[in-house]
Amino acid sequence: MSFFSVRTCKHIIGGLLCLVGCFIVNGCSSDKGRQPIDTRIHVLSMNRMIYDCVSRITGDRVKNIVLIDGSIDPHSYEMVKGDEDQIVMSQLIFCNGLGLEHSASLRKHLEGNPKVVDLGSRLLDKKIFDLLKEDGFPDPHIWTDMRVWSAAVREIATVLVQQFPQYAEEFQKNADRLLLEMEELDRWAERSLATIPAKNRFLVTGHNAFSYFTRRYLSSDDERKSGDWRLRCISPEGLAPEAQISIRDIMRVVEYICANDVGVVFFEDTLNQDALRKIVSCSKSGQKIRLAKAPLYSDNVKDNYFHTFQHNVRTITEELGGTILE
């Protein structure tokens, strides 16, 4: 072989080696920059009250996603960019139902969707609880009653076990453990709130989100049977904090406060307090009325659903003159 041929071969081989090296380097760089694909099952919960329960049951066996989180009002939520992708990629979707997810964009994707589990409807079909209504509309705030929400968790567990039998034993064990904790929370709430003097058990809140709570924890058996438990709570706004509050609404609450000698009004974390401040200022002279020291959480959570329930029970019990029982 001539010297020229040898030099040419060396150049060709060297070029090939450089090219291979570039591919290797680029390949390594691409691997480092590429995010690993999450192949887990996707389960979508419409709000945090559902999400926190689903997460306790599934652990990290599935990728849990929550659609409506933070201080966003679920009553008026309209879908944003990326929400449709979450719905499409999820194998299972849990919603509260009972009119909570009532915006046009949500209804379009939830109604008739075979992946959707409507917890409220399932509980109603099984006659788990007595549905409350206001002006003909269903009250969706069933998570404020721990006993009712425990039944929702049983429905969640049943669906998860049926859909993903490979994790059935683990999911059922986690659900049973969670239900025991919820049963203890329910008993604790019942005992603590029962220490509030009967004359103080009047709940004035920003919007009508605590009717199930009032019926379960602030009323006597006779009041629940007769329906008089409804006299234990009032608010200037309806089921959804969307409408403008009128002077008539404010005066209706003021008269209630005076008639029942209410001493404290509870504001909510995500609601404007102006209406409640007007109510406090409009109260008759000599009527000692104030805003509570801490907010209540109705349509959103403080840390998680279970901490939120405890916070609400503690706040209401202490503000109305009761004693927290540990």
C-alpha atoms as a PDB file:
ATOM      1  CA  MET A   1       0.000   0.000   0.000  1.00  0.00           C
ATOM      2  CA  SER A   2       1.351   3.441  -0.897  1.00  0.00           C
ATOM      3  CA  PHE A   3       2.108   6.103   1.665  1.00  0.00           C
ATOM      4  CA  PHE A   4      -0.744   8.182   0.217  1.00  0.00           C
ATOM      5  CA  SER A   5      -3.214   5.335   0.650  1.00  0.00           C
ATOM      6  CA  VAL A   6      -2.119   4.759   4.226  1.00  0.00           C
ATOM      7  CA  ARG A   7      -2.518   8.473   5.060  1.00  0.00           C
ATOM      8  CA  THR A   8      -5.930   8.486   3.399  1.00  0.00           C
ATOM      9  CA  CYS A   9      -7.089   5.446   5.385  1.00  0.00           C
ATOM     10  CA  LYS A  10      -5.852   7.015   8.604  1.00  0.00           C
ATOM     11  CA  HIS A  11      -7.805  10.187   7.862  1.00  0.00           C
ATOM     12  CA  ILE A  12     -10.959   8.213   7.066  1.00  0.00           C
ATOM     13  CA  ILE A  13     -10.668   6.078  10.199  1.00  0.00           C
ATOM     14  CA  GLY A  14      -9.951   9.149  12.320  1.00  0.00           C
ATOM     15  CA  GLY A  15     -12.971  10.921  10.905  1.00  0.00           C
ATOM     16  CA  LEU A  16     -15.177   7.947  11.599  1.00  0.00           C
ATOM     17  CA  LEU A  17     -13.917   7.737  15.174  1.00  0.00           C
ATOM     18  CA  CYS A  18     -14.662  11.441  15.714  1.00  0.00           C
ATOM     19  CA  LEU A  19     -18.116  10.976  14.260  1.00  0.00           C
ATOM     20  CA  VAL A  20     -18.813   8.009  16.529  1.00  0.00           C
ATOM     21  CA  GLY A  21     -17.518  10.009  19.480  1.00  0.00           C
ATOM     22  CA  CYS A  22     -19.874  12.846  18.676  1.00  0.00           C
ATOM     23  CA  PHE A  23     -22.813  10.449  18.548  1.00  0.00           C
ATOM     24  CA  ILE A  24     -21.817   8.963  21.896  1.00  0.00           C
ATOM     25  CA  VAL A  25     -21.438  12.369  23.544  1.00  0.00           C
ATOM     26  CA  ASN A  26     -24.689  13.645  22.075  1.00  0.00           C
ATOM     27  CA  GLY A  27     -26.458  10.452  23.038  1.00  0.00           C
ATOM     28  CA  CYS A  28     -25.251  10.732  26.633  1.00  0.00           C
ATOM     29  CA  SER A  29     -26.212  14.386  26.768  1.00  0.00           C
ATOM     30  CA  SER A  30     -29.670  13.608  25.416  1.00  0.00           C
ATOM     31  CA  ASP A  31     -30.148  10.832  27.955  1.00  0.00           C
ATOM     32  CA  LYS A  32     -29.175  13.159  30.775  1.00  0.00           C
ATOM     33  CA  GLY A  33     -31.541  15.886  29.592  1.00  0.00           C
ATOM     34  CA  ARG A  34     -34.458  13.607  28.836  1.00  0.00           C
ATOM     35  CA  GLN A  35     -36.995  13.219  31.659  1.00  0.00           C
ATOM     36  CA  PRO A  36     -37.964   9.621  32.483  1.00  0.00           C
ATOM     37  CA  ILE A  37     -41.452   8.744  31.293  1.00  0.00           C
ATOM     38  CA  ASP A  38     -43.944   8.215  34.126  1.00  0.00           C
ATOM     39  CA  THR A  39     -45.698   4.982  33.189  1.00  0.00           C
ATOM     40  CA  ARG A  40     -47.908   4.862  36.283  1.00  0.00           C
ATOM     41  CA  ILE A  41     -51.700   4.860  36.129  1.00  0.00           C
ATOM     42  CA  HIS A  42     -53.105   8.410  36.103  1.00  0.00           C
ATOM     43  CA  VAL A  43     -55.991   9.136  38.488  1.00  0.00           C
ATOM     44  CA  LEU A  44     -57.579  12.594  38.445  1.00  0.00           C
ATOM     45  CA  SER A  45     -59.456  14.098  41.409  1.00  0.00           C
ATOM     46  CA  MET A  46     -61.503  17.221  40.793  1.00  0.00           C
ATOM     47  CA  ASN A  47     -60.664  18.833  44.156  1.00  0.00           C
ATOM     48  CA  ARG A  48     -58.378  18.453  47.157  1.00  0.00           C
ATOM     49  CA  MET A  49     -61.038  16.947  49.405  1.00  0.00           C
ATOM     50  CA  ILE A  50     -61.175  13.972  47.041  1.00  0.00           C
ATOM     51  CA  TYR A  51     -57.486  13.983  46.117  1.00  0.00           C
ATOM     52  CA  ASP A  52     -56.278  13.717  49.716  1.00  0.00           C
ATOM     53  CA  CYS A  53     -58.408  10.607  50.246  1.00  0.00           C
ATOM     54  CA  VAL A  54     -57.450   8.954  46.956  1.00  0.00           C
ATOM     55  CA  SER A  55     -53.768   9.594  47.692  1.00  0.00           C
ATOM     56  CA  ARG A  56     -54.031   7.929  51.093  1.00  0.00           C
ATOM     57  CA  ILE A  57     -55.474   4.805  49.488  1.00  0.00           C
ATOM     58  CA  THR A  58     -53.200   4.505  46.453  1.00  0.00           C
ATOM     59  CA  GLY A  59     -49.910   5.797  47.808  1.00  0.00           C
ATOM     60  CA  ASP A  60     -47.441   6.097  44.932  1.00  0.00           C
ATOM     61  CA  ARG A  61     -48.876   3.159  42.985  1.00  0.00           C
ATOM     62  CA  VAL A  62     -50.617   5.672  40.727  1.00  0.00           C
ATOM     63  CA  LYS A  63     -49.913   9.219  39.636  1.00  0.00           C
ATOM     64  CA  ASN A  64     -52.494  11.290  41.501  1.00  0.00           C
ATOM     65  CA  ILE A  65     -53.513  14.596  39.963  1.00  0.00           C
ATOM     66  CA  VAL A  66     -55.810  17.291  41.348  1.00  0.00           C
ATOM     67  CA  LEU A  67     -57.545  19.667  38.950  1.00  0.00           C
ATOM     68  CA  ILE A  68     -58.968  22.398  41.224  1.00  0.00           C
ATOM     69  CA  ASP A  69     -56.517  23.298  43.975  1.00  0.00           C
ATOM     70  CA  GLY A  70     -55.450  26.184  46.178  1.00  0.00           C
ATOM     71  CA  SER A  71     -57.808  29.096  46.737  1.00  0.00           C
ATOM     72  CA  ILE A  72     -59.703  28.598  43.470  1.00  0.00           C
ATOM     73  CA  ASP A  73     -63.493  28.506  43.857  1.00  0.00           C
ATOM     74  CA  PRO A  74     -64.703  25.109  42.572  1.00  0.00           C
ATOM     75  CA  HIS A  75     -68.237  26.463  42.049  1.00  0.00           C
ATOM     76  CA  SER A  76     -67.164  28.804  39.257  1.00  0.00           C
ATOM     77  CA  TYR A  77     -64.081  27.005  37.928  1.00  0.00           C
ATOM     78  CA  GLU A  78     -63.619  27.111  34.158  1.00  0.00           C
ATOM     79  CA  MET A  79     -61.075  24.851  32.501  1.00  0.00           C
ATOM     80  CA  VAL A  80     -57.694  26.309  31.560  1.00  0.00           C
ATOM     81  CA  LYS A  81     -54.920  25.208  29.210  1.00  0.00           C
ATOM     82  CA  GLY A  82     -53.689  21.740  30.111  1.00  0.00           C
ATOM     83  CA  ASP A  83     -56.852  20.628  31.926  1.00  0.00           C
ATOM     84  CA  GLU A  84     -58.215  18.763  28.918  1.00  0.00           C
ATOM     85  CA  ASP A  85     -54.924  16.862  28.603  1.00  0.00           C
ATOM     86  CA  GLN A  86     -55.189  15.810  32.256  1.00  0.00           C
ATOM     87  CA  ILE A  87     -58.712  14.524  31.692  1.00  0.00           C
ATOM     88  CA  VAL A  88     -57.763  12.635  28.519  1.00  0.00           C
ATOM     89  CA  MET A  89     -54.675  10.943  29.972  1.00  0.00           C
ATOM     90  CA  SER A  90     -56.366   9.863  33.218  1.00  0.00           C
ATOM     91  CA  GLN A  91     -57.719   6.323  33.439  1.00  0.00           C
ATOM     92  CA  LEU A  92     -60.057   7.279  36.287  1.00  0.00           C
ATOM     93  CA  ILE A  93     -61.668  10.580  37.307  1.00  0.00           C
ATOM     94  CA  PHE A  94     -63.327  11.236  40.665  1.00  0.00           C
ATOM     95  CA  CYS A  95     -65.727  14.171  40.953  1.00  0.00           C
ATOM     96  CA  ASN A  96     -67.908  15.419  43.806  1.00  0.00           C
ATOM     97  CA  GLY A  97     -71.046  15.884  41.747  1.00  0.00           C
ATOM     98  CA  LEU A  98     -74.214  17.426  43.234  1.00  0.00           C
ATOM     99  CA  GLY A  99     -73.708  20.470  41.040  1.00  0.00           C
ATOM    100  CA  LEU A 100     -70.269  21.432  42.362  1.00  0.00           C
ATOM    101  CA  GLU A 101     -68.556  21.067  38.984  1.00  0.00           C
ATOM    102  CA  HIS A 102     -71.264  22.988  37.161  1.00  0.00           C
ATOM    103  CA  SER A 103     -69.345  25.219  34.742  1.00  0.00           C
ATOM    104  CA  ALA A 104     -70.025  24.591  31.050  1.00  0.00           C
ATOM    105  CA  SER A 105     -66.437  23.596  30.274  1.00  0.00           C
ATOM    106  CA  LEU A 106     -66.320  21.011  33.056  1.00  0.00           C
ATOM    107  CA  ARG A 107     -69.745  19.555  32.292  1.00  0.00           C
ATOM    108  CA  LYS A 108     -68.736  19.091  28.670  1.00  0.00           C
ATOM    109  CA  HIS A 109     -65.873  16.798  29.688  1.00  0.00           C
ATOM    110  CA  LEU A 110     -67.458  15.056  32.676  1.00  0.00           C
ATOM    111  CA  GLU A 111     -71.055  14.304  31.704  1.00  0.00           C
ATOM    112  CA  GLY A 112     -71.326  10.944  29.971  1.00  0.00           C
ATOM    113  CA  ASN A 113     -67.613  10.240  30.364  1.00  0.00           C
ATOM    114  CA  PRO A 114     -67.228   6.527  31.252  1.00  0.00           C
ATOM    115  CA  LYS A 115     -64.062   7.271  33.234  1.00  0.00           C
ATOM    116  CA  VAL A 116     -65.894   9.590  35.662  1.00  0.00           C
ATOM    117  CA  VAL A 117     -66.969   8.434  39.129  1.00  0.00           C
ATOM    118  CA  ASP A 118     -69.616  10.819  40.510  1.00  0.00           C
ATOM    119  CA  LEU A 119     -69.337  10.313  44.268  1.00  0.00           C
ATOM    120  CA  GLY A 120     -72.400  12.353  45.218  1.00  0.00           C
ATOM    121  CA  SER A 121     -74.654  10.439  42.843  1.00  0.00           C
ATOM    122  CA  ARG A 122     -73.337   7.073  44.023  1.00  0.00           C
ATOM    123  CA  LEU A 123     -74.060   7.985  47.648  1.00  0.00           C
ATOM    124  CA  LEU A 124     -77.543   9.225  46.787  1.00  0.00           C
ATOM    125  CA  ASP A 125     -78.319   6.056  44.834  1.00  0.00           C
ATOM    126  CA  LYS A 126     -77.439   4.046  47.947  1.00  0.00           C
ATOM    127  CA  LYS A 127     -79.431   6.420  50.192  1.00  0.00           C
ATOM    128  CA  ILE A 128     -76.331   7.083  52.309  1.00  0.00           C
ATOM    129  CA  PHE A 129     -77.435  10.600  53.285  1.00  0.00           C
ATOM    130  CA  ASP A 130     -80.360  13.005  53.011  1.00  0.00           C
ATOM    131  CA  LEU A 131     -79.637  15.558  50.317  1.00  0.00           C
ATOM    132  CA  LEU A 132     -79.976  19.213  51.284  1.00  0.00           C
ATOM    133  CA  LYS A 133     -81.171  21.825  48.806  1.00  0.00           C
ATOM    134  CA  GLU A 134     -81.392  25.593  48.575  1.00  0.00           C
ATOM    135  CA  ASP A 135     -83.748  27.236  46.100  1.00  0.00           C
ATOM    136  CA  GLY A 136     -84.068  23.874  44.349  1.00  0.00           C
ATOM    137  CA  PHE A 137     -80.324  23.376  43.906  1.00  0.00           C
ATOM    138  CA  PRO A 138     -78.470  20.506  45.638  1.00  0.00           C
ATOM    139  CA  ASP A 139     -75.976  21.363  48.356  1.00  0.00           C
ATOM    140  CA  PRO A 140     -72.651  19.783  47.305  1.00  0.00           C
ATOM    141  CA  HIS A 141     -70.715  20.402  50.559  1.00  0.00           C
ATOM    142  CA  ILE A 142     -70.966  16.819  51.836  1.00  0.00           C
ATOM    143  CA  TRP A 143     -67.290  16.706  52.860  1.00  0.00           C
ATOM    144  CA  THR A 144     -68.078  18.864  55.911  1.00  0.00           C
ATOM    145  CA  ASP A 145     -69.830  15.847  57.456  1.00  0.00           C
ATOM    146  CA  MET A 146     -67.107  13.307  58.225  1.00  0.00           C
ATOM    147  CA  ARG A 147     -69.580  10.438  58.409  1.00  0.00           C
ATOM    148  CA  VAL A 148     -70.911  11.140  54.913  1.00  0.00           C
ATOM    149  CA  TRP A 149     -67.417  11.667  53.532  1.00  0.00           C
ATOM    150  CA  SER A 150     -66.329   8.336  55.003  1.00  0.00           C
ATOM    151  CA  ALA A 151     -68.997   6.732  52.838  1.00  0.00           C
ATOM    152  CA  ALA A 152     -67.497   8.561  49.856  1.00  0.00           C
ATOM    153  CA  VAL A 153     -64.106   7.071  50.727  1.00  0.00           C
ATOM    154  CA  ARG A 154     -65.658   3.590  50.715  1.00  0.00           C
ATOM    155  CA  GLU A 155     -66.923   4.277  47.209  1.00  0.00           C
ATOM    156  CA  ILE A 156     -63.476   5.494  46.148  1.00  0.00           C
ATOM    157  CA  ALA A 157     -61.847   2.357  47.550  1.00  0.00           C
ATOM    158  CA  THR A 158     -64.395   0.070  45.880  1.00  0.00           C
ATOM    159  CA  VAL A 159     -63.775   1.632  42.470  1.00  0.00           C
ATOM    160  CA  LEU A 160     -59.981   1.591  42.838  1.00  0.00           C
ATOM    161  CA  VAL A 161     -59.971  -2.074  43.856  1.00  0.00           C
ATOM    162  CA  GLN A 162     -62.228  -3.005  40.934  1.00  0.00           C
ATOM    163  CA  GLN A 163     -60.288  -0.986  38.380  1.00  0.00           C
ATOM    164  CA  PHE A 164     -56.812  -2.014  39.484  1.00  0.00           C
ATOM    165  CA  PRO A 165     -57.019  -5.558  40.898  1.00  0.00           C
ATOM    166  CA  GLN A 166     -53.227  -5.883  40.858  1.00  0.00           C
ATOM    167  CA  TYR A 167     -53.193  -3.527  43.877  1.00  0.00           C
ATOM    168  CA  ALA A 168     -56.484  -4.663  45.424  1.00  0.00           C
ATOM    169  CA  GLU A 169     -55.112  -5.992  48.702  1.00  0.00           C
ATOM    170  CA  GLU A 170     -52.866  -2.976  49.291  1.00  0.00           C
ATOM    171  CA  PHE A 171     -55.567  -0.446  48.391  1.00  0.00           C
ATOM    172  CA  GLN A 172     -58.156  -2.112  50.621  1.00  0.00           C
ATOM    173  CA  LYS A 173     -55.752  -2.235  53.555  1.00  0.00           C
ATOM    174  CA  ASN A 174     -54.943   1.470  53.148  1.00  0.00           C
ATOM    175  CA  ALA A 175     -58.642   2.316  52.846  1.00  0.00           C
ATOM    176  CA  ASP A 176     -59.523   0.364  55.995  1.00  0.00           C
ATOM    177  CA  ARG A 177     -56.812   2.207  57.916  1.00  0.00           C
ATOM    178  CA  LEU A 178     -58.028   5.567  56.614  1.00  0.00           C
ATOM    179  CA  LEU A 179     -61.654   4.802  57.483  1.00  0.00           C
ATOM    180  CA  LEU A 180     -60.677   3.998  61.067  1.00  0.00           C
ATOM    181  CA  GLU A 181     -58.944   7.386  61.331  1.00  0.00           C
ATOM    182  CA  MET A 182     -61.993   9.124  59.886  1.00  0.00           C
ATOM    183  CA  GLU A 183     -64.273   7.339  62.335  1.00  0.00           C
ATOM    184  CA  GLU A 184     -62.106   8.593  65.199  1.00  0.00           C
ATOM    185  CA  LEU A 185     -62.163  12.125  63.764  1.00  0.00           C
ATOM    186  CA  ASP A 186     -65.948  12.016  63.513  1.00  0.00           C
ATOM    187  CA  ARG A 187     -66.313  10.902  67.145  1.00  0.00           C
ATOM    188  CA  TRP A 188     -63.816  13.526  68.304  1.00  0.00           C
ATOM    189  CA  ALA A 189     -65.691  16.262  66.438  1.00  0.00           C
ATOM    190  CA  GLU A 190     -69.032  15.117  67.810  1.00  0.00           C
ATOM    191  CA  ARG A 191     -67.788  15.053  71.415  1.00  0.00           C
ATOM    192  CA  SER A 192     -65.922  18.371  71.199  1.00  0.00           C
ATOM    193  CA  LEU A 193     -68.735  20.303  69.513  1.00  0.00           C
ATOM    194  CA  ALA A 194     -71.242  18.853  71.995  1.00  0.00           C
ATOM    195  CA  THR A 195     -69.473  20.835  74.741  1.00  0.00           C
ATOM    196  CA  ILE A 196     -70.706  24.096  73.188  1.00  0.00           C
ATOM    197  CA  PRO A 197     -73.640  25.420  75.255  1.00  0.00           C
ATOM    198  CA  ALA A 198     -76.919  24.950  73.363  1.00  0.00           C
ATOM    199  CA  LYS A 199     -77.602  28.699  73.496  1.00  0.00           C
ATOM    200  CA  ASN A 200     -74.344  29.315  71.586  1.00  0.00           C
ATOM    201  CA  ARG A 201     -74.788  26.760  68.805  1.00  0.00           C
ATOM    202  CA  PHE A 202     -75.572  29.235  66.057  1.00  0.00           C
ATOM    203  CA  LEU A 203     -73.249  29.286  63.048  1.00  0.00           C
ATOM    204  CA  VAL A 204     -73.025  32.456  60.945  1.00  0.00           C
ATOM    205  CA  THR A 205     -70.683  32.008  57.962  1.00  0.00           C
ATOM    206  CA  GLY A 206     -69.767  33.765  54.726  1.00  0.00           C
ATOM    207  CA  HIS A 207     -71.713  31.427  52.421  1.00  0.00           C
ATOM    208  CA  ASN A 208     -73.984  28.446  52.845  1.00  0.00           C
ATOM    209  CA  ALA A 209     -71.327  25.729  53.003  1.00  0.00           C
ATOM    210  CA  PHE A 210     -71.833  24.346  56.508  1.00  0.00           C
ATOM    211  CA  SER A 211     -75.382  23.000  56.501  1.00  0.00           C
ATOM    212  CA  TYR A 212     -74.293  19.350  56.551  1.00  0.00           C
ATOM    213  CA  PHE A 213     -71.818  20.226  59.307  1.00  0.00           C
ATOM    214  CA  THR A 214     -74.526  21.973  61.328  1.00  0.00           C
ATOM    215  CA  ARG A 215     -77.013  19.148  60.941  1.00  0.00           C
ATOM    216  CA  ARG A 216     -74.451  16.547  61.989  1.00  0.00           C
ATOM    217  CA  TYR A 217     -72.569  18.297  64.801  1.00  0.00           C
ATOM    218  CA  LEU A 218     -74.466  21.328  66.136  1.00  0.00           C
ATOM    219  CA  SER A 219     -78.009  19.973  66.330  1.00  0.00           C
ATOM    220  CA  SER A 220     -79.928  17.675  68.650  1.00  0.00           C
ATOM    221  CA  ASP A 221     -81.650  14.474  67.534  1.00  0.00           C
ATOM    222  CA  ASP A 222     -85.046  16.161  67.888  1.00  0.00           C
ATOM    223  CA  GLU A 223     -83.910  19.098  65.748  1.00  0.00           C
ATOM    224  CA  ARG A 224     -82.650  16.746  63.052  1.00  0.00           C
ATOM    225  CA  LYS A 225     -85.964  14.883  63.013  1.00  0.00           C
ATOM    226  CA  SER A 226     -88.103  18.019  62.928  1.00  0.00           C
ATOM    227  CA  GLY A 227     -85.887  19.986  60.561  1.00  0.00           C
ATOM    228  CA  ASP A 228     -85.373  22.727  63.146  1.00  0.00           C
ATOM    229  CA  TRP A 229     -81.617  22.206  62.845  1.00  0.00           C
ATOM    230  CA  ARG A 230     -81.823  24.670  59.930  1.00  0.00           C
ATOM    231  CA  LEU A 231     -82.363  27.431  62.491  1.00  0.00           C
ATOM    232  CA  ARG A 232     -78.827  26.775  63.748  1.00  0.00           C
ATOM    233  CA  CYS A 233     -77.027  28.281  60.732  1.00  0.00           C
ATOM    234  CA  ILE A 234     -77.294  31.213  58.354  1.00  0.00           C
ATOM    235  CA  SER A 235     -75.168  33.088  55.811  1.00  0.00           C
ATOM    236  CA  PRO A 236     -75.604  36.151  53.577  1.00  0.00           C
ATOM    237  CA  GLU A 237     -74.603  34.183  50.456  1.00  0.00           C
ATOM    238  CA  GLY A 238     -76.043  30.989  49.013  1.00  0.00           C
ATOM    239  CA  LEU A 239     -74.431  27.678  48.079  1.00  0.00           C
ATOM    240  CA  ALA A 240     -71.974  29.321  45.682  1.00  0.00           C
ATOM    241  CA  PRO A 241     -70.236  32.591  46.636  1.00  0.00           C
ATOM    242  CA  GLU A 242     -70.852  34.170  43.242  1.00  0.00           C
ATOM    243  CA  ALA A 243     -73.836  36.504  43.559  1.00  0.00           C
ATOM    244  CA  GLN A 244     -73.870  40.072  44.806  1.00  0.00           C
ATOM    245  CA  ILE A 245     -75.036  40.416  48.393  1.00  0.00           C
ATOM    246  CA  SER A 246     -77.995  42.740  48.827  1.00  0.00           C
ATOM    247  CA  ILE A 247     -78.867  44.963  51.774  1.00  0.00           C
ATOM    248  CA  ARG A 248     -81.813  42.647  52.347  1.00  0.00           C
ATOM    249  CA  ASP A 249     -79.427  39.675  52.734  1.00  0.00           C
ATOM    250  CA  ILE A 250     -77.338  41.616  55.223  1.00  0.00           C
ATOM    251  CA  MET A 251     -80.322  42.731  57.290  1.00  0.00           C
ATOM    252  CA  ARG A 252     -81.709  39.171  57.318  1.00  0.00           C
ATOM    253  CA  VAL A 253     -78.491  37.964  58.951  1.00  0.00           C
ATOM    254  CA  VAL A 254     -78.395  40.954  61.322  1.00  0.00           C
ATOM    255  CA  GLU A 255     -81.909  40.142  62.547  1.00  0.00           C
ATOM    256  CA  TYR A 256     -80.905  36.505  63.037  1.00  0.00           C
ATOM    257  CA  ILE A 257     -77.877  37.560  65.081  1.00  0.00           C
ATOM    258  CA  CYS A 258     -79.952  39.783  67.320  1.00  0.00           C
ATOM    259  CA  ALA A 259     -82.766  37.241  67.748  1.00  0.00           C
ATOM    260  CA  ASN A 260     -80.356  34.474  68.790  1.00  0.00           C
ATOM    261  CA  ASP A 261     -77.845  36.635  70.672  1.00  0.00           C
ATOM    262  CA  VAL A 262     -75.005  35.493  68.401  1.00  0.00           C
ATOM    263  CA  GLY A 263     -71.615  36.717  69.560  1.00  0.00           C
ATOM    264  CA  VAL A 264     -69.276  35.695  66.735  1.00  0.00           C
ATOM    265  CA  VAL A 265     -69.403  35.596  62.939  1.00  0.00           C
ATOM    266  CA  PHE A 266     -67.131  33.225  61.001  1.00  0.00           C
ATOM    267  CA  PHE A 267     -65.376  34.435  57.872  1.00  0.00           C
ATOM    268  CA  GLU A 268     -64.006  32.057  55.239  1.00  0.00           C
ATOM    269  CA  ASP A 269     -60.468  31.889  53.942  1.00  0.00           C
ATOM    270  CA  THR A 270     -61.214  32.612  50.285  1.00  0.00           C
ATOM    271  CA  LEU A 271     -64.198  34.970  50.601  1.00  0.00           C
ATOM    272  CA  ASN A 272     -64.288  38.736  50.764  1.00  0.00           C
ATOM    273  CA  GLN A 273     -65.020  39.803  54.340  1.00  0.00           C
ATOM    274  CA  ASP A 274     -66.764  43.075  53.459  1.00  0.00           C
ATOM    275  CA  ALA A 275     -70.277  41.649  53.807  1.00  0.00           C
ATOM    276  CA  LEU A 276     -69.537  40.150  57.212  1.00  0.00           C
ATOM    277  CA  ARG A 277     -67.946  43.399  58.390  1.00  0.00           C
ATOM    278  CA  LYS A 278     -71.118  45.224  57.358  1.00  0.00           C
ATOM    279  CA  ILE A 279     -73.167  42.686  59.289  1.00  0.00           C
ATOM    280  CA  VAL A 280     -71.038  43.213  62.377  1.00  0.00           C
ATOM    281  CA  SER A 281     -71.262  47.007  62.072  1.00  0.00           C
ATOM    282  CA  CYS A 282     -75.041  46.941  61.440  1.00  0.00           C
ATOM    283  CA  SER A 283     -75.813  44.976  64.581  1.00  0.00           C
ATOM    284  CA  LYS A 284     -77.879  46.860  67.093  1.00  0.00           C
ATOM    285  CA  SER A 285     -76.156  48.869  69.750  1.00  0.00           C
ATOM    286  CA  GLY A 286     -75.435  46.802  72.817  1.00  0.00           C
ATOM    287  CA  GLN A 287     -75.120  43.593  70.766  1.00  0.00           C
ATOM    288  CA  LYS A 288     -71.596  42.280  71.282  1.00  0.00           C
ATOM    289  CA  ILE A 289     -70.611  40.787  67.945  1.00  0.00           C
ATOM    290  CA  ARG A 290     -67.206  40.238  66.362  1.00  0.00           C
ATOM    291  CA  LEU A 291     -65.441  38.334  63.606  1.00  0.00           C
ATOM    292  CA  ALA A 292     -63.808  35.039  64.572  1.00  0.00           C
ATOM    293  CA  LYS A 293     -60.068  35.077  65.193  1.00  0.00           C
ATOM    294  CA  ALA A 294     -59.369  32.462  62.508  1.00  0.00           C
ATOM    295  CA  PRO A 295     -61.048  31.664  59.182  1.00  0.00           C
ATOM    296  CA  LEU A 296     -63.054  28.593  58.296  1.00  0.00           C
ATOM    297  CA  TYR A 297     -62.227  26.567  55.203  1.00  0.00           C
ATOM    298  CA  SER A 298     -65.186  25.424  53.124  1.00  0.00           C
ATOM    299  CA  ASP A 299     -64.401  24.884  49.430  1.00  0.00           C
ATOM    300  CA  ASN A 300     -60.631  24.653  49.835  1.00  0.00           C
ATOM    301  CA  VAL A 301     -58.256  23.089  52.345  1.00  0.00           C
ATOM    302  CA  LYS A 302     -55.693  24.074  54.949  1.00  0.00           C
ATOM    303  CA  ASP A 303     -52.700  21.767  54.274  1.00  0.00           C
ATOM    304  CA  ASN A 304     -54.980  18.803  53.554  1.00  0.00           C
ATOM    305  CA  TYR A 305     -58.595  17.737  53.986  1.00  0.00           C
ATOM    306  CA  PHE A 306     -58.102  16.054  57.357  1.00  0.00           C
ATOM    307  CA  HIS A 307     -56.204  18.978  58.890  1.00  0.00           C
ATOM    308  CA  THR A 308     -58.875  21.297  57.510  1.00  0.00           C
ATOM    309  CA  PHE A 309     -61.670  19.375  59.201  1.00  0.00           C
ATOM    310  CA  GLN A 310     -59.780  19.463  62.496  1.00  0.00           C
ATOM    311  CA  HIS A 311     -59.096  23.185  62.115  1.00  0.00           C
ATOM    312  CA  ASN A 312     -62.771  23.963  61.476  1.00  0.00           C
ATOM    313  CA  VAL A 313     -63.898  21.882  64.452  1.00  0.00           C
ATOM    314  CA  ARG A 314     -61.351  23.528  66.755  1.00  0.00           C
ATOM    315  CA  THR A 315     -62.174  27.034  65.553  1.00  0.00           C
ATOM    316  CA  ILE A 316     -65.944  26.642  65.880  1.00  0.00           C
ATOM    317  CA  THR A 317     -65.734  24.855  69.239  1.00  0.00           C
ATOM    318  CA  GLU A 318     -63.428  27.398  70.841  1.00  0.00           C
ATOM    319  CA  GLU A 319     -65.161  30.475  69.391  1.00  0.00           C
ATOM    320  CA  LEU A 320     -68.603  29.298  70.554  1.00  0.00           C
ATOM    321  CA  GLY A 321     -67.501  28.548  74.103  1.00  0.00           C
ATOM    322  CA  GLY A 322     -66.868  24.811  73.947  1.00  0.00           C
ATOM    323  CA  THR A 323     -63.881  22.676  74.906  1.00  0.00           C
ATOM    324  CA  ILE A 324     -61.681  20.647  72.582  1.00  0.00           C
ATOM    325  CA  LEU A 325     -61.533  17.057  73.825  1.00  0.00           C
ATOM    326  CA  GLU A 326     -58.361  15.177  72.961  1.00  0.00           C
END
